[in-house]
Protein backbone atom coordinates (compact mmCIF):
# COMPACT_ATOMS: atom_id res chain seq x y z
CA MET A 1 0.46 0.00 -0.02
CA ALA A 2 1.14 3.65 -1.34
CA PHE A 3 1.86 5.80 1.37
CA THR A 4 -0.66 8.79 0.49
CA LEU A 5 -1.62 11.79 2.66
CA SER A 6 -5.19 13.13 2.15
CA SER A 7 -7.50 15.81 2.86
CA PRO A 8 -11.83 15.31 2.88
CA ALA A 9 -11.08 19.57 2.21
CA PHE A 10 -9.87 19.64 -1.05
CA ALA A 11 -8.73 17.34 -3.86
CA SER A 12 -4.51 16.83 -4.48
CA GLY A 13 -4.30 19.50 -6.86
CA GLY A 14 -7.87 21.54 -6.15
CA ASP A 15 -8.41 24.39 -4.51
CA ILE A 16 -8.19 24.50 -0.93
CA PRO A 17 -11.46 26.25 0.64
CA ARG A 18 -11.28 29.60 1.77
CA GLN A 19 -12.01 28.87 5.60
CA PHE A 20 -8.87 26.88 5.63
CA THR A 21 -6.90 29.93 4.57
CA CYS A 22 -6.40 33.85 5.27
CA ASP A 23 -9.56 35.26 4.66
CA GLY A 24 -11.70 33.15 6.68
CA ASP A 25 -11.08 30.75 9.60
CA ASP A 26 -7.37 30.75 8.80
CA ILE A 27 -7.87 27.05 10.61
CA PRO A 28 -5.98 23.99 9.87
CA PRO A 29 -8.03 21.23 7.06
CA HIS A 30 -8.28 18.12 8.37
CA LEU A 31 -5.34 15.52 6.75
CA MET A 32 -5.79 12.12 6.65
CA TRP A 33 -2.43 9.68 6.09
CA SER A 34 -2.78 5.66 5.24
CA GLY A 35 0.00 3.25 3.99
CA GLY A 36 2.83 5.05 5.65
CA PRO A 37 6.15 2.22 6.84
CA LYS A 38 5.59 -0.21 9.11
CA ASP A 39 8.29 1.01 11.57
CA ALA A 40 7.39 4.98 11.22
CA ALA A 41 8.03 5.48 14.98
CA SER A 42 6.32 9.59 14.35
CA PHE A 43 5.38 12.12 12.12
CA VAL A 44 7.11 15.47 10.70
CA LEU A 45 4.59 17.73 9.11
CA VAL A 46 5.93 20.77 7.37
CA VAL A 47 3.23 23.24 4.97
CA GLU A 48 5.54 25.62 2.90
CA ASP A 49 4.40 28.45 0.11
CA PRO A 50 7.04 27.68 -2.60
CA ASP A 51 5.81 30.30 -4.88
CA ALA A 52 5.73 33.00 -2.27
CA PRO A 53 7.77 36.39 -3.41
CA SER A 54 10.62 36.33 -1.11
CA GLY A 55 11.38 32.94 -1.56
CA THR A 56 9.47 29.06 0.10
CA PHE A 57 7.34 29.91 2.99
CA THR A 58 6.35 27.97 5.37
CA HIS A 59 3.14 27.65 7.10
CA TRP A 60 3.24 25.06 9.46
CA VAL A 61 5.34 22.60 10.82
CA VAL A 62 4.53 19.83 13.23
CA PHE A 63 6.50 16.34 14.98
CA ASP A 64 6.71 14.27 17.13
CA ILE A 65 3.41 13.21 15.89
CA PRO A 66 2.67 9.45 17.17
CA ALA A 67 2.99 6.98 14.98
CA GLU A 68 -0.77 5.47 15.91
CA ARG A 69 -2.40 8.34 14.42
CA SER A 70 -3.92 8.42 10.98
CA ASP A 71 -4.91 12.47 10.95
CA LEU A 72 -4.60 15.52 12.14
CA PRO A 73 -8.38 17.18 12.50
CA SER A 74 -8.87 20.46 11.37
CA GLY A 75 -8.60 23.07 13.59
CA THR A 76 -5.71 21.42 15.22
CA ARG A 77 -3.77 24.50 16.42
CA SER A 78 -2.58 23.30 19.00
CA ASP A 79 -0.45 19.95 20.28
CA ALA A 80 -2.50 17.85 20.60
CA VAL A 81 -1.26 15.36 18.35
CA GLY A 82 2.97 16.15 17.86
CA LEU A 83 3.81 19.75 19.16
CA SER A 84 4.27 22.61 16.72
CA GLY A 85 7.57 24.17 15.28
CA ARG A 86 7.85 27.82 13.72
CA ASN A 87 6.76 28.84 11.01
CA SER A 88 7.69 32.06 8.63
CA ARG A 89 6.15 34.67 11.57
CA GLY A 90 8.24 33.04 13.69
CA GLU A 91 5.07 32.26 15.78
CA ILE A 92 3.68 29.24 16.55
CA GLY A 93 1.59 27.15 14.97
CA TYR A 94 -0.87 26.97 11.62
CA ILE A 95 -0.53 30.35 8.97
CA GLY A 96 -3.21 30.27 6.34
CA PRO A 97 -2.56 29.95 3.58
CA CYS A 98 -3.08 34.47 1.78
CA PRO A 99 -0.77 35.28 -0.83
CA PRO A 100 -0.12 38.19 -2.37
CA LEU A 101 -0.89 38.09 -6.06
CA GLY A 102 -1.62 35.67 -7.99
CA THR A 103 -2.57 31.95 -7.44
CA HIS A 104 -0.07 30.11 -4.93
CA ARG A 105 0.37 25.96 -4.30
CA TYR A 106 1.30 24.28 -0.97
CA PHE A 107 2.54 21.17 -0.25
CA PHE A 108 1.41 19.81 2.33
CA ARG A 109 4.69 16.75 3.61
CA LEU A 110 4.82 14.44 5.94
CA PHE A 111 7.54 12.20 6.87
CA ALA A 112 7.45 9.14 8.27
CA LEU A 113 10.74 9.41 11.12
CA ASP A 114 12.26 5.61 12.40
CA VAL A 115 12.24 7.53 15.67
CA LYS A 116 9.76 8.40 18.48
CA THR A 117 10.86 11.65 19.19
CA LEU A 118 13.22 14.11 17.74
CA GLY A 119 14.42 15.91 21.21
CA LEU A 120 13.32 19.83 20.35
CA ALA A 121 11.05 21.75 21.76
CA VAL A 122 7.95 23.29 20.80
CA GLY A 123 9.01 26.51 18.32
CA ALA A 124 11.68 24.65 17.28
CA SER A 125 12.59 25.91 13.54
CA ARG A 126 11.51 24.41 10.25
CA GLN A 127 15.77 24.11 10.30
CA GLN A 128 15.66 22.58 13.33
CA VAL A 129 13.59 19.98 12.47
CA GLU A 130 14.97 19.37 9.56
CA GLU A 131 18.40 19.12 11.04
CA ALA A 132 17.19 16.41 13.85
CA MET A 133 15.11 14.35 11.47
CA GLY A 134 18.70 13.34 9.37
CA ARG A 135 19.00 9.76 8.64
CA HIS A 136 15.82 8.93 10.69
CA LEU A 137 13.64 9.44 7.10
CA LEU A 138 11.24 6.32 6.00
CA GLY A 139 8.82 7.53 3.49
CA THR A 140 7.33 10.98 2.48
CA THR A 141 4.18 11.83 0.80
CA GLU A 142 2.82 14.84 -0.26
CA LEU A 143 -0.76 16.91 -0.51
CA ILE A 144 -1.04 19.68 -2.97
CA GLY A 145 -3.59 22.70 -2.55
CA ARG A 146 -3.94 26.20 -4.51
CA TYR A 147 -5.06 29.72 -3.26
CA GLY A 148 -5.46 32.35 -4.48
CA HIS A 149 -7.44 35.96 -4.29
């Protein structure tokens, strides 16, 4: 079975509904995954906009997601499911899509790791999370959504 990431809110390559953006409720959509590597001990989620004018913008980082999880419910903002890192605004938690001009792509990437914890505290940067993931990566899957004004 392939490692897949999906959302009941939008299809891969489809439009992200307004409620999950800065123009709506600015809450994360429900994300679900299946087919992860059998030896996965935890997951990391990174949401980014590679089309941002000043370079890739990180919207959300969640790490130490327990291996027994297979979803992040809509509205998950806190550390109820894993630990939240800092986004590109320097804040902890989710920032919804909010492109200044045109339509941007938003990559929701889920990484399966062979360790239960990265040993980092809440508020770790994306760079710290990626460095800690190091050689622990077992698999990756992604979901791409689009949003624009």
